[in-house]
Protein backbone atom coordinates (compact mmCIF):
# COMPACT_ATOMS: atom_id res chain seq x y z
CA VAL A 1 71.72 66.39 82.88
CA ALA A 2 72.13 69.07 85.54
CA ALA A 3 70.29 66.90 88.07
CA TYR A 4 72.57 63.97 87.21
CA LYS A 5 75.69 65.99 87.98
CA LYS A 6 74.16 67.42 91.14
CA TYR A 7 72.63 64.35 92.77
CA GLN A 8 74.54 61.36 91.39
CA PRO A 9 77.66 61.79 93.60
CA ARG A 10 75.59 62.13 96.78
CA ILE A 11 73.40 59.16 95.97
CA ALA A 12 76.39 57.07 94.87
CA ALA A 13 78.11 57.74 98.21
CA GLY A 14 75.03 56.59 100.13
CA ILE A 15 74.60 53.51 97.95
CA ASN A 16 78.27 52.62 98.43
CA TYR A 17 77.75 52.84 102.19
CA TRP A 18 74.67 50.63 101.88
CA LYS A 19 76.56 48.05 99.79
CA SER A 20 79.84 47.93 101.69
CA ASP A 21 79.62 49.20 105.27
CA LEU A 22 76.04 48.41 106.29
CA PRO A 23 76.13 44.64 105.60
CA LYS A 24 79.28 44.38 107.72
CA GLN A 25 77.61 46.35 110.53
CA VAL A 26 74.51 44.15 110.38
CA ALA A 27 76.61 40.96 110.36
CA SER A 28 78.72 42.13 113.31
CA LYS A 29 75.65 43.50 115.15
CA ASP A 30 77.23 46.95 115.35
CA TYR A 31 73.98 48.72 116.18
CA ALA A 32 75.74 51.90 117.33
CA ALA A 33 77.22 52.35 113.84
CA ILE A 34 73.85 51.67 112.22
CA THR A 35 72.21 54.24 114.50
CA ALA A 36 74.93 56.77 113.65
CA ALA A 37 74.32 56.23 109.92
CA LEU A 38 70.68 57.15 110.49
CA SER A 39 71.29 60.12 112.76
CA VAL A 40 71.00 63.87 112.37
CA SER A 41 73.14 65.94 114.71
CA ILE A 42 74.48 69.46 115.12
CA ASP A 43 77.90 70.09 113.58
CA PRO A 44 80.32 70.46 116.51
CA LYS A 45 82.40 72.94 114.47
CA ASP A 46 79.43 75.28 114.07
CA LYS A 47 79.63 77.88 116.83
CA LYS A 48 76.00 78.96 116.21
CA GLN A 49 74.85 75.34 116.50
CA LYS A 50 72.60 75.60 113.44
CA ARG A 51 74.33 73.46 110.80
CA LYS A 52 73.27 69.84 110.80
CA VAL A 53 75.35 66.77 110.03
CA TYR A 54 73.49 63.89 108.43
CA GLY A 55 74.43 60.23 108.68
CA PRO A 56 75.15 58.63 105.29
CA LEU A 57 71.77 56.91 105.10
CA VAL A 58 69.65 59.90 106.12
CA ALA A 59 71.67 61.98 103.65
CA LEU A 60 70.21 59.86 100.83
CA PHE A 61 66.59 60.93 101.36
CA SER A 62 66.71 64.47 100.03
CA PRO A 63 68.79 63.91 96.87
CA MET A 64 66.75 60.81 96.01
CA GLU A 65 63.52 62.78 96.29
CA LEU A 66 64.86 65.74 94.36
CA TRP A 67 66.32 63.58 91.60
CA ALA A 68 63.05 61.67 91.24
CA SER A 69 61.14 64.95 91.00
CA SER A 70 63.52 66.27 88.35
CA PHE A 71 61.98 63.88 85.82
CA SER A 72 58.61 65.65 86.08
CA ARG A 73 57.78 68.91 84.40
CA GLY A 74 55.53 71.29 86.27
CA ALA A 75 52.96 70.13 88.80
CA GLN A 76 52.13 66.94 86.89
CA ARG A 77 54.27 64.04 88.12
CA THR A 78 55.34 61.41 85.61
CA GLU A 79 54.95 57.68 86.14
CA GLU A 80 58.73 57.47 86.57
CA THR A 81 58.75 60.09 89.30
CA LEU A 82 55.89 58.35 91.09
CA ALA A 83 57.66 54.97 90.86
CA MET A 84 60.91 56.47 92.19
CA LEU A 85 59.11 58.23 95.05
CA SER A 86 57.30 55.00 95.90
CA ALA A 87 60.65 53.18 96.03
CA LEU A 88 61.99 55.99 98.24
CA ASP A 89 59.04 55.51 100.62
CA ASP A 90 59.86 51.80 100.77
CA PHE A 91 63.50 52.67 101.45
CA LYS A 92 62.51 54.99 104.30
CA ALA A 93 60.34 52.20 105.77
CA ALA A 94 63.36 49.90 105.64
CA THR A 95 65.45 52.44 107.52
CA VAL A 96 62.80 52.46 110.26
CA LEU A 97 63.56 48.76 110.77
CA LEU A 98 67.24 49.63 111.01
CA GLU A 99 66.44 52.34 113.56
CA GLU A 100 64.49 49.79 115.59
CA ALA A 101 67.49 47.45 115.45
CA GLY A 102 69.63 50.17 116.99
CA ALA A 103 67.06 51.35 119.52
CA THR A 104 67.63 50.67 123.19
CA GLN A 105 63.87 50.93 123.92
CA VAL A 106 60.99 49.87 121.68
CA LYS A 107 57.22 49.83 122.12
CA ASP A 108 56.12 46.78 124.06
CA SER A 109 54.03 44.53 121.85
CA GLY A 110 52.36 42.91 124.86
CA LEU A 111 49.40 44.06 126.96
CA LEU A 112 51.31 47.03 128.41
CA GLY A 113 52.12 48.27 124.90
CA ILE A 114 48.56 49.57 124.68
CA PHE A 115 49.49 52.10 127.36
CA GLY A 116 52.72 53.13 125.65
CA ALA A 117 55.02 50.92 127.68
CA LYS A 118 58.51 50.38 126.35
CA LYS A 119 60.87 47.49 126.65
CA GLU A 120 64.44 46.65 125.75
CA PRO A 121 64.52 44.67 122.50
CA SER A 122 66.04 41.21 122.59
CA GLY A 123 69.15 40.41 120.60
CA ALA A 124 67.06 38.27 118.26
CA GLU A 125 64.60 41.14 117.65
CA ARG A 126 67.41 43.55 116.90
CA GLU A 127 69.10 41.13 114.53
CA ARG A 128 65.81 40.33 112.75
CA ASN A 129 65.01 44.03 112.29
CA ALA A 130 68.51 44.76 111.00
CA ARG A 131 68.44 41.91 108.49
CA GLN A 132 64.89 42.73 107.34
CA GLY A 133 65.79 46.40 107.03
CA LEU A 134 68.87 45.60 104.97
CA GLU A 135 66.91 43.26 102.70
CA ALA A 136 63.93 45.60 102.24
CA GLY A 137 66.18 48.61 101.72
CA THR A 138 68.23 46.79 99.08
CA LYS A 139 65.04 45.86 97.22
CA ALA A 140 63.77 49.46 97.41
CA LEU A 141 67.09 50.95 96.27
CA ASN A 142 67.21 48.58 93.31
CA ALA A 143 63.64 49.51 92.34
CA TYR A 144 64.62 53.20 92.47
CA ILE A 145 67.81 52.56 90.49
CA ASP A 146 66.01 50.52 87.81
CA VAL A 147 63.61 53.38 87.05
CA LEU A 148 66.43 55.91 87.29
CA ASN A 149 68.63 53.97 84.85
CA THR A 150 65.81 53.83 82.30
CA GLN A 151 65.69 57.63 82.45
CA LEU A 152 69.48 58.02 82.36
CA LYS A 153 69.67 55.82 79.27
CA SER A 154 67.30 58.19 77.46
CA ILE A 155 69.70 61.13 78.08
CA ASN A 156 72.87 59.11 77.32
CA GLU A 157 74.27 59.12 80.87
CA ASP A 158 76.05 56.25 82.58
CA PRO A 159 73.76 53.99 84.62
CA VAL A 160 73.92 53.80 88.40
CA PRO A 161 75.03 50.32 89.52
CA ARG A 162 72.42 48.24 91.35
CA VAL A 163 72.97 47.33 94.99
């Protein structure tokens, strides 16, 4: 119950971003906004330049991992925790596609790519990566949420809506 109160608001905010803002950004090809959602930067208000500001999608990783781990007791991980962490890994892989959509340089897949050459992605490549990332991330989030809701039901908490 403590984990629910601690992590649910943070995860809900990220899921809301995924459901409402991200599809609009993908549809309008707003790659700068997608990149910002996946960024980690230094808080400009922090004079010591130590506090980090996380984009709404990157901010999902930690609470999702911690919430998944909260269903295990001790060093032994439950099947539910493993399933949730697997879905989180899939979600992270989907965000890599989104990062590639926003990248101005990507690894060349041709002969020069062997030597680490980079190229500017085409509009079609960026759009494909963004759409695939959105689709794969939605599937991964729903897998995570399905396992999570099974656990929440057992402790009489409200379910998290699917994406």
